[in-house]
Amino acid sequence: MWRLLITLLIMTVGSSGMYVVSVVLSAVQADFGVARAEASMPYTLLMIGFGVGGVVMGKLADRFGVMWPLLIGSVCVGLGFVVSSLATGILGFSIVQGLLVGLGSGAVFAPLVADTSLWFVKRRGMAVAVCASGNYLAGAVWPPIVQMFVEQSGWRATYVGLGVFCGLSMAGLALFMRERPPAAVMAAPPPAGTGRTVAMPSMRPFGLSLGVAQGMLCVAGVACCVAMAMPQVHIVAYCTDLGYGAARGAQMLSLMLACGIVSRLVSGAICDRIGGLRTLLLGSVLQCAALLLFLPFDGMVPLFIVSAMFGLFQGGIVPSYAIIVREHFPPAEAGARVGTIIGCTLLGMALGGWMSGKVFDLTGSYHAAFLNGIAWNLLNMAIAVTLLVRTRRMVRRAALAV
C-alpha cells in the first residue's frame, strides 16, 4: 500500500507540467508579445513529448524497472521548468516544453500505470485507478497554486521554484521505487536446457497476433479520446458562444475533472469485478450517452449537470487499457505496450481538440462537432465489442477442449 501512495504522489507532481503551461499562457503571451495561437504552441509540443516519453520510458521500465525512468523524468521536469524560465522567445519556450517537460511527464504516467498493474492481482483495477487519479489530482491542485505565485512573483520565478521542487521531490520519491514487480519475475521464461514447455496464451491476445491486437487497441485509444476531447477542450468556448461567459465554462471544466477522479476510482472497483474489456465498453457506452445529452440541452444548469455526468462516465476509460494489456499481453512487455496505447490516447486528444474546432469553423455550430465526437465514440465501442466477442469465443473453445 505504501508503494501505491508513493506512486500517487509522483503522479501528482510529475503531471504538473500538463496544467501549469495552461495557467501561465496569458502571462507568456504578454511577455513574448505573440498571438494566442502561438502562445498555445507550448501545450501542443508538450503533449507530443508526453506521448513519445510514455513509449520510450515504458520500454526502459520493462528492461530496468520503473525507478530509472522516474529519475530521468525528474531531471527532465526539473530542468525543463528552470530552462523555460530563461527562454527569450516563444519558439525556445515551446521546444523546451516538448523536449524536457513533456518527456519528463511522459516518464511518469504510462510507466507508473503499467508498473502498478504488475504489483496487484486481487484489486488491480482499483490500484491502477488510484495511480491514474494522480493525473486529475494534479489538475485540481497545481493551477491555483501556480496562479497565486505568478501573481506575486511572475511566471519566470514561479517556473524556477517549480523546477527545484518537482525535480527534487520526484527524484527522492523515485528512490523508493527501486524494487522490481513480482509479476515481471514470474513471467520470465524458464532457463534454457530444462526441457520445460511453457504455455503462453498471452502471445495470442483475443486470438490475434500481438501486433494486430495492439493495433486495434491503439485505434480504440485514438477514437475514445477524439470523442473525449470535444467537451474537455471546447466547453469554455462553447459556454462563451452561448453567452454564459468563459468563467462559467471554466467552472464546468473543473467540475468535469473533479468528477473524473471519482469516475476513475469507481471504475477501478468495477474493473476488479468485470475485467478491463467490459469496463472499457461500459465507459465508452456511458461517454457516448453523455455526448448525446449535450445536443438537446444548452441551458446553463443543464450543461453543469451534463458536464458532471460526462466526467463521471469517462474517467475510467483510459486506465482500463492498462488492465486490458495486463490481462491479455505478456507482463514483461507491459510498460512499452501501455505507453504506446497511452500515446495514442494523447494523439486522440490532440486530434479531437483540433478536429472539433475545424468542424465548428466549417459549420458554425458545436452541434456538428458533438456529432463528430459521437461517431468516433461508436468506433471505440465497435472495437471493444469485437474484442470482447473474440475473448468469449476463446474461453468457450478452451472449456470444450477440457
Protein backbone atom coordinates (compact mmCIF):
# COMPACT_ATOMS: atom_id res chain seq x y z
CA MET A 1 0.00 0.00 0.00
CA TRP A 2 2.89 2.38 0.72
CA ARG A 3 4.12 1.88 -2.86
CA LEU A 4 0.72 2.91 -4.20
CA LEU A 5 0.80 6.07 -2.04
CA ILE A 6 4.25 6.99 -3.36
CA THR A 7 3.03 6.29 -6.90
CA LEU A 8 0.10 8.67 -6.39
CA LEU A 9 2.43 11.41 -5.09
CA ILE A 10 4.85 11.01 -8.02
CA MET A 11 1.96 11.07 -10.48
CA THR A 12 0.58 14.27 -8.93
CA VAL A 13 3.94 16.05 -9.01
CA GLY A 14 5.10 14.68 -12.36
CA SER A 15 1.86 15.60 -14.15
CA SER A 16 2.12 19.25 -13.11
CA GLY A 17 3.52 20.36 -16.46
CA MET A 18 0.31 19.43 -18.30
CA TYR A 19 -1.68 22.01 -16.34
CA VAL A 20 0.90 24.66 -15.42
CA VAL A 21 1.52 25.67 -19.03
CA SER A 22 -2.19 26.49 -19.45
CA VAL A 23 -2.15 28.66 -16.31
CA VAL A 24 0.79 30.78 -17.49
CA LEU A 25 -0.46 31.03 -21.09
CA SER A 26 -1.66 34.63 -20.81
CA ALA A 27 1.47 35.75 -18.95
CA VAL A 28 3.75 34.07 -21.50
CA GLN A 29 1.78 35.61 -24.37
CA ALA A 30 2.15 39.10 -22.90
CA ASP A 31 5.85 38.59 -22.11
CA PHE A 32 6.77 37.40 -25.60
CA GLY A 33 4.27 39.63 -27.42
CA VAL A 34 2.75 36.87 -29.55
CA ALA A 35 -0.71 35.90 -30.69
CA ARG A 36 -2.89 33.42 -28.80
CA ALA A 37 -2.30 30.68 -31.39
CA GLU A 38 1.48 30.99 -30.99
CA ALA A 39 1.12 31.05 -27.21
CA SER A 40 -0.76 27.74 -27.42
CA MET A 41 2.15 26.03 -29.20
CA PRO A 42 3.95 25.02 -25.96
CA TYR A 43 0.95 22.93 -24.88
CA THR A 44 0.81 21.14 -28.23
CA LEU A 45 4.52 20.27 -28.18
CA LEU A 46 4.30 19.27 -24.52
CA MET A 47 1.55 16.74 -25.31
CA ILE A 48 3.61 15.34 -28.19
CA GLY A 49 6.58 14.98 -25.85
CA PHE A 50 4.29 13.38 -23.28
CA GLY A 51 3.21 10.71 -25.76
CA VAL A 52 6.72 9.98 -27.04
CA GLY A 53 8.05 9.90 -23.49
CA GLY A 54 5.47 7.31 -22.49
CA VAL A 55 6.58 4.92 -25.24
CA VAL A 56 10.34 5.39 -24.72
CA MET A 57 10.25 5.34 -20.94
CA GLY A 58 7.81 2.41 -20.95
CA LYS A 59 10.36 0.31 -22.83
CA LEU A 60 13.07 1.43 -20.42
CA ALA A 61 10.89 0.43 -17.47
CA ASP A 62 10.37 -3.04 -18.96
CA ARG A 63 14.13 -3.60 -19.04
CA PHE A 64 15.41 -1.88 -15.91
CA GLY A 65 12.41 -1.24 -13.69
CA VAL A 66 10.38 1.93 -13.16
CA MET A 67 12.89 3.74 -10.90
CA TRP A 68 15.24 4.72 -13.72
CA PRO A 69 12.58 6.29 -15.99
CA LEU A 70 11.30 8.20 -12.95
CA LEU A 71 14.77 9.52 -12.17
CA ILE A 72 15.25 10.59 -15.78
CA GLY A 73 11.80 12.16 -15.68
CA SER A 74 12.64 14.10 -12.52
CA VAL A 75 15.71 15.58 -14.20
CA CYS A 76 13.74 16.44 -17.35
CA VAL A 77 10.83 18.06 -15.49
CA GLY A 78 13.04 19.98 -13.05
CA LEU A 79 15.48 21.15 -15.72
CA GLY A 80 12.62 21.86 -18.12
CA PHE A 81 10.90 24.31 -15.78
CA VAL A 82 14.16 26.11 -14.95
CA VAL A 83 15.34 26.37 -18.57
CA SER A 84 11.86 27.52 -19.65
CA SER A 85 12.18 30.46 -17.27
CA LEU A 86 15.26 31.60 -19.23
CA ALA A 87 13.56 31.49 -22.65
CA THR A 88 13.71 34.67 -24.71
CA GLY A 89 11.07 33.71 -27.27
CA ILE A 90 8.02 31.53 -27.74
CA LEU A 91 9.86 29.08 -30.03
CA GLY A 92 12.55 28.31 -27.48
CA PHE A 93 9.98 28.09 -24.70
CA SER A 94 7.88 25.66 -26.79
CA ILE A 95 10.83 23.42 -27.65
CA VAL A 96 11.87 23.14 -24.00
CA GLN A 97 8.30 22.31 -23.02
CA GLY A 98 8.20 19.48 -25.55
CA LEU A 99 11.68 18.03 -25.16
CA LEU A 100 12.07 18.30 -21.38
CA VAL A 101 8.79 18.90 -19.54
CA GLY A 102 6.74 16.75 -21.93
CA LEU A 103 9.27 13.92 -21.99
CA GLY A 104 9.57 14.05 -18.19
CA SER A 105 5.81 13.93 -17.72
CA GLY A 106 5.64 11.00 -20.14
CA ALA A 107 8.15 9.17 -17.95
CA VAL A 108 5.59 9.28 -15.15
CA PHE A 109 2.13 8.37 -16.44
CA ALA A 110 2.41 5.25 -18.62
CA PRO A 111 5.36 3.62 -16.76
CA LEU A 112 3.67 4.08 -13.37
CA VAL A 113 0.30 2.80 -14.59
CA ALA A 114 1.99 -0.26 -16.13
CA ASP A 115 4.12 -0.84 -13.03
CA THR A 116 1.08 -0.63 -10.75
CA SER A 117 -0.77 -3.20 -12.85
CA LEU A 118 2.09 -5.65 -12.24
CA TRP A 119 2.09 -5.28 -8.45
CA PHE A 120 -1.57 -6.06 -7.80
CA VAL A 121 -3.71 -9.09 -8.58
CA LYS A 122 -6.81 -9.11 -6.38
CA ARG A 123 -7.54 -5.35 -6.56
CA ARG A 124 -5.58 -4.47 -9.68
CA GLY A 125 -8.31 -2.28 -11.19
CA MET A 126 -8.64 -0.13 -8.08
CA ALA A 127 -4.87 0.19 -7.72
CA VAL A 128 -4.47 1.37 -11.33
CA ALA A 129 -7.40 3.77 -10.84
CA VAL A 130 -5.76 5.32 -7.75
CA CYS A 131 -2.49 5.67 -9.65
CA ALA A 132 -4.13 7.26 -12.71
CA SER A 133 -6.18 9.61 -10.49
CA GLY A 134 -2.95 11.43 -9.68
CA ASN A 135 -3.10 12.94 -13.16
CA TYR A 136 -6.50 14.52 -12.50
CA LEU A 137 -5.46 15.40 -8.94
CA ALA A 138 -2.59 17.39 -10.42
CA GLY A 139 -5.16 19.32 -12.46
CA ALA A 140 -7.04 20.19 -9.28
CA VAL A 141 -4.01 21.04 -7.10
CA TRP A 142 -1.47 22.85 -9.27
CA PRO A 143 -3.41 25.57 -11.18
CA PRO A 144 -4.48 27.63 -8.12
CA ILE A 145 -1.04 27.30 -6.51
CA VAL A 146 0.77 28.35 -9.66
CA GLN A 147 -1.67 31.20 -10.32
CA MET A 148 -1.02 32.58 -6.82
CA PHE A 149 2.76 32.58 -7.32
CA VAL A 150 2.50 34.01 -10.84
CA GLU A 151 0.51 36.97 -9.47
CA GLN A 152 3.04 37.52 -6.68
CA SER A 153 6.38 36.81 -8.39
CA GLY A 154 5.79 36.43 -12.13
CA TRP A 155 5.82 33.31 -14.28
CA ARG A 156 9.61 33.07 -14.63
CA ALA A 157 10.32 32.96 -10.89
CA THR A 158 7.40 30.57 -10.46
CA TYR A 159 8.91 28.23 -13.05
CA VAL A 160 12.26 28.24 -11.24
CA GLY A 161 10.56 27.32 -7.98
CA LEU A 162 8.55 24.60 -9.70
CA GLY A 163 11.69 23.16 -11.28
CA VAL A 164 13.51 22.90 -7.97
CA PHE A 165 10.53 21.46 -6.07
CA CYS A 166 9.34 19.00 -8.72
CA GLY A 167 12.82 17.80 -9.66
CA LEU A 168 13.96 17.13 -6.10
CA SER A 169 10.68 15.65 -4.84
CA MET A 170 10.28 13.34 -7.85
CA ALA A 171 13.87 12.11 -7.56
CA GLY A 172 13.54 11.50 -3.83
CA LEU A 173 10.29 9.57 -4.22
CA ALA A 174 11.66 7.60 -7.19
CA LEU A 175 14.35 6.07 -4.95
CA PHE A 176 11.61 4.22 -3.06
CA MET A 177 10.56 2.50 -6.32
CA ARG A 178 13.73 0.50 -6.97
CA GLU A 179 12.16 -2.91 -6.28
CA ARG A 180 11.04 -4.78 -9.40
CA PRO A 181 7.43 -6.01 -9.63
CA PRO A 182 6.94 -9.70 -8.81
CA ALA A 183 4.89 -10.26 -11.99
CA ALA A 184 7.93 -9.46 -14.12
CA VAL A 185 9.88 -12.19 -12.32
CA MET A 186 7.03 -14.70 -12.57
CA ALA A 187 6.68 -14.00 -16.29
CA ALA A 188 10.33 -14.77 -17.03
CA PRO A 189 10.85 -17.79 -19.32
CA PRO A 190 12.35 -20.97 -17.87
CA PRO A 191 16.13 -21.42 -18.12
CA ALA A 192 17.41 -22.87 -21.37
CA GLY A 193 18.04 -26.62 -21.40
CA THR A 194 15.42 -27.52 -18.76
CA GLY A 195 13.18 -29.16 -21.34
CA ARG A 196 10.13 -27.40 -19.95
CA THR A 197 7.31 -26.35 -22.30
CA VAL A 198 5.51 -23.26 -21.10
CA ALA A 199 2.10 -22.35 -22.49
CA MET A 200 1.88 -18.69 -23.43
CA PRO A 201 -1.77 -17.90 -24.24
CA SER A 202 -0.99 -14.20 -23.88
CA MET A 203 1.11 -14.44 -27.04
CA ARG A 204 -2.22 -14.59 -28.93
CA PRO A 205 -4.38 -11.94 -27.22
CA PHE A 206 -8.01 -12.17 -28.37
CA GLY A 207 -6.86 -14.90 -30.75
CA LEU A 208 -4.90 -12.31 -32.76
CA SER A 209 -1.21 -11.63 -33.27
CA LEU A 210 0.39 -9.26 -30.77
CA GLY A 211 0.74 -6.54 -33.41
CA VAL A 212 -2.85 -6.73 -34.66
CA ALA A 213 -4.26 -6.85 -31.11
CA GLN A 214 -2.24 -3.82 -30.03
CA GLY A 215 -3.12 -2.01 -33.26
CA MET A 216 -6.82 -2.40 -32.54
CA LEU A 217 -6.35 -1.07 -29.00
CA CYS A 218 -4.36 1.88 -30.37
CA VAL A 219 -7.18 2.74 -32.78
CA ALA A 220 -9.65 2.39 -29.91
CA GLY A 221 -7.48 4.74 -27.82
CA VAL A 222 -7.46 7.38 -30.54
CA ALA A 223 -11.20 7.05 -31.11
CA CYS A 224 -12.31 7.32 -27.48
CA CYS A 225 -10.14 10.36 -26.87
CA VAL A 226 -11.18 12.20 -30.04
CA ALA A 227 -14.67 11.96 -28.55
CA MET A 228 -13.43 12.84 -25.06
CA ALA A 229 -11.62 15.95 -26.30
CA MET A 230 -14.75 17.68 -27.58
CA PRO A 231 -16.15 18.72 -24.18
CA GLN A 232 -12.82 18.90 -22.36
CA VAL A 233 -11.13 21.20 -24.88
CA HIS A 234 -14.11 23.25 -26.09
CA ILE A 235 -16.53 23.55 -23.16
CA VAL A 236 -15.19 27.02 -22.25
CA ALA A 237 -15.52 28.28 -25.82
CA TYR A 238 -18.96 26.64 -26.10
CA CYS A 239 -20.18 28.47 -22.99
CA THR A 240 -18.76 31.73 -24.31
CA ASP A 241 -20.66 31.30 -27.59
CA LEU A 242 -23.86 30.60 -25.65
CA GLY A 243 -23.41 33.85 -23.73
CA TYR A 244 -22.60 32.35 -20.31
CA GLY A 245 -19.01 33.61 -20.26
CA ALA A 246 -15.63 31.91 -20.00
CA ALA A 247 -15.76 31.81 -16.20
CA ARG A 248 -18.81 29.52 -16.25
CA GLY A 249 -17.11 27.32 -18.81
CA ALA A 250 -14.02 27.06 -16.62
CA GLN A 251 -16.23 26.04 -13.69
CA MET A 252 -17.82 23.33 -15.82
CA LEU A 253 -14.38 22.07 -16.83
CA SER A 254 -13.23 21.97 -13.20
CA LEU A 255 -16.38 20.09 -12.24
CA MET A 256 -15.80 17.66 -15.11
CA LEU A 257 -12.22 16.91 -13.96
CA ALA A 258 -13.24 16.58 -10.31
CA CYS A 259 -15.92 14.07 -11.28
CA GLY A 260 -13.27 12.34 -13.37
CA ILE A 261 -11.35 11.49 -10.17
CA VAL A 262 -14.47 9.87 -8.72
CA SER A 263 -15.04 8.08 -12.02
CA ARG A 264 -11.56 6.57 -12.04
CA LEU A 265 -11.93 5.20 -8.52
CA VAL A 266 -15.41 3.78 -9.13
CA SER A 267 -14.35 2.33 -12.48
CA GLY A 268 -11.38 0.70 -10.77
CA ALA A 269 -13.69 -1.11 -8.37
CA ILE A 270 -15.94 -2.15 -11.27
CA CYS A 271 -12.92 -3.32 -13.27
CA ASP A 272 -11.91 -5.68 -10.46
CA ARG A 273 -15.29 -7.39 -10.87
CA ILE A 274 -15.84 -7.46 -14.64
CA GLY A 275 -12.37 -7.03 -16.17
CA GLY A 276 -10.72 -4.43 -18.38
CA LEU A 277 -12.55 -5.03 -21.66
CA ARG A 278 -16.03 -4.84 -20.13
CA THR A 279 -15.00 -1.73 -18.20
CA LEU A 280 -13.80 -0.12 -21.43
CA LEU A 281 -17.09 -0.95 -23.15
CA LEU A 282 -19.15 0.30 -20.20
CA GLY A 283 -17.23 3.58 -20.07
CA SER A 284 -17.49 4.02 -23.83
CA VAL A 285 -21.27 3.47 -23.83
CA LEU A 286 -21.76 5.92 -20.95
CA GLN A 287 -19.47 8.52 -22.54
CA CYS A 288 -21.50 8.28 -25.75
CA ALA A 289 -24.69 8.79 -23.76
CA ALA A 290 -23.26 11.92 -22.14
CA LEU A 291 -22.17 13.31 -25.51
CA LEU A 292 -25.70 12.77 -26.81
CA LEU A 293 -27.08 14.78 -23.87
CA PHE A 294 -25.03 17.80 -24.94
CA LEU A 295 -27.14 18.03 -28.12
CA PRO A 296 -30.62 18.85 -26.72
CA PHE A 297 -29.53 20.72 -23.58
CA ASP A 298 -27.76 24.07 -23.78
CA GLY A 299 -29.08 25.86 -20.67
CA MET A 300 -26.51 26.78 -18.05
CA VAL A 301 -27.81 24.47 -15.29
CA PRO A 302 -28.35 21.50 -17.65
CA LEU A 303 -24.82 22.00 -19.02
CA PHE A 304 -23.40 21.85 -15.49
CA ILE A 305 -25.29 18.61 -14.90
CA VAL A 306 -24.25 17.06 -18.22
CA SER A 307 -20.63 18.14 -17.67
CA ALA A 308 -20.64 16.40 -14.30
CA MET A 309 -22.15 13.30 -15.89
CA PHE A 310 -19.53 13.34 -18.62
CA GLY A 311 -16.76 13.47 -16.03
CA LEU A 312 -18.32 10.63 -14.06
CA PHE A 313 -18.68 8.48 -17.18
CA GLN A 314 -15.35 8.93 -18.97
CA GLY A 315 -12.72 8.90 -16.21
CA GLY A 316 -12.25 5.14 -16.18
CA ILE A 317 -11.74 4.64 -19.91
CA VAL A 318 -8.01 5.36 -20.24
CA PRO A 319 -6.90 3.34 -17.16
CA SER A 320 -8.87 0.34 -18.46
CA TYR A 321 -6.36 -0.02 -21.30
CA ALA A 322 -3.61 -0.80 -18.77
CA ILE A 323 -5.78 -3.54 -17.28
CA ILE A 324 -6.54 -4.96 -20.73
CA VAL A 325 -2.83 -5.09 -21.54
CA ARG A 326 -2.08 -6.78 -18.20
CA GLU A 327 -4.85 -9.35 -18.72
CA HIS A 328 -4.12 -10.25 -22.36
CA PHE A 329 -0.47 -9.44 -23.17
CA PRO A 330 2.87 -10.73 -21.83
CA PRO A 331 3.56 -8.97 -18.48
CA ALA A 332 7.21 -8.35 -19.34
CA GLU A 333 6.10 -6.03 -22.18
CA ALA A 334 3.52 -4.08 -20.16
CA GLY A 335 5.45 -0.81 -19.97
CA ALA A 336 6.06 -0.46 -23.70
CA ARG A 337 2.57 -1.59 -24.70
CA VAL A 338 0.76 0.60 -22.17
CA GLY A 339 3.00 3.52 -23.15
CA THR A 340 2.15 3.07 -26.82
CA ILE A 341 -1.59 2.91 -26.20
CA ILE A 342 -1.49 5.90 -23.82
CA GLY A 343 0.44 7.76 -26.51
CA CYS A 344 -2.40 7.02 -28.92
CA THR A 345 -4.96 8.37 -26.45
CA LEU A 346 -2.95 11.60 -26.27
CA LEU A 347 -2.90 11.71 -30.06
CA GLY A 348 -6.67 11.30 -29.91
CA MET A 349 -6.97 14.24 -27.51
CA ALA A 350 -4.83 16.44 -29.74
CA LEU A 351 -6.66 15.35 -32.89
CA GLY A 352 -10.07 15.69 -31.25
CA GLY A 353 -9.36 19.19 -29.98
CA TRP A 354 -8.25 20.35 -33.43
CA MET A 355 -10.94 18.44 -35.32
CA SER A 356 -13.77 19.83 -33.17
CA GLY A 357 -12.54 23.35 -33.82
CA LYS A 358 -12.27 22.66 -37.55
CA VAL A 359 -15.80 21.25 -37.69
CA PHE A 360 -17.04 24.35 -35.86
CA ASP A 361 -15.22 26.61 -38.34
CA LEU A 362 -16.82 24.77 -41.25
CA THR A 363 -20.36 24.58 -39.88
CA GLY A 364 -20.55 27.45 -37.38
CA SER A 365 -22.03 25.06 -34.83
CA TYR A 366 -20.72 22.92 -32.00
CA HIS A 367 -23.63 20.52 -32.57
CA ALA A 368 -21.82 19.13 -35.61
CA ALA A 369 -18.65 18.83 -33.53
CA PHE A 370 -20.52 16.82 -30.89
CA LEU A 371 -21.88 14.53 -33.63
CA ASN A 372 -18.33 14.04 -34.90
CA GLY A 373 -17.26 13.03 -31.40
CA ILE A 374 -20.17 10.58 -31.14
CA ALA A 375 -19.13 8.94 -34.43
CA TRP A 376 -15.60 8.36 -33.12
CA ASN A 377 -17.06 7.06 -29.85
CA LEU A 378 -19.07 4.49 -31.81
CA LEU A 379 -15.83 3.28 -33.42
CA ASN A 380 -14.35 2.73 -29.96
CA MET A 381 -17.45 0.81 -28.90
CA ALA A 382 -17.29 -1.38 -32.01
CA ILE A 383 -13.66 -2.35 -31.29
CA ALA A 384 -14.45 -3.11 -27.64
CA VAL A 385 -17.40 -5.31 -28.63
CA THR A 386 -15.30 -7.13 -31.26
CA LEU A 387 -12.50 -7.93 -28.79
CA LEU A 388 -14.98 -8.98 -26.13
CA VAL A 389 -16.77 -11.38 -28.51
CA ARG A 390 -13.45 -12.89 -29.60
CA THR A 391 -12.42 -13.37 -25.97
CA ARG A 392 -15.65 -15.16 -25.15
CA ARG A 393 -15.19 -17.49 -28.12
CA MET A 394 -11.68 -18.34 -26.94
CA VAL A 395 -12.95 -19.12 -23.43
CA ARG A 396 -15.68 -21.39 -24.84
CA ARG A 397 -13.21 -23.25 -27.05
CA ALA A 398 -10.83 -23.73 -24.13
CA ALA A 399 -13.68 -25.06 -21.97
CA LEU A 400 -14.77 -27.52 -24.68
CA ALA A 401 -11.19 -28.70 -25.17
CA VAL A 402 -11.03 -29.62 -21.48
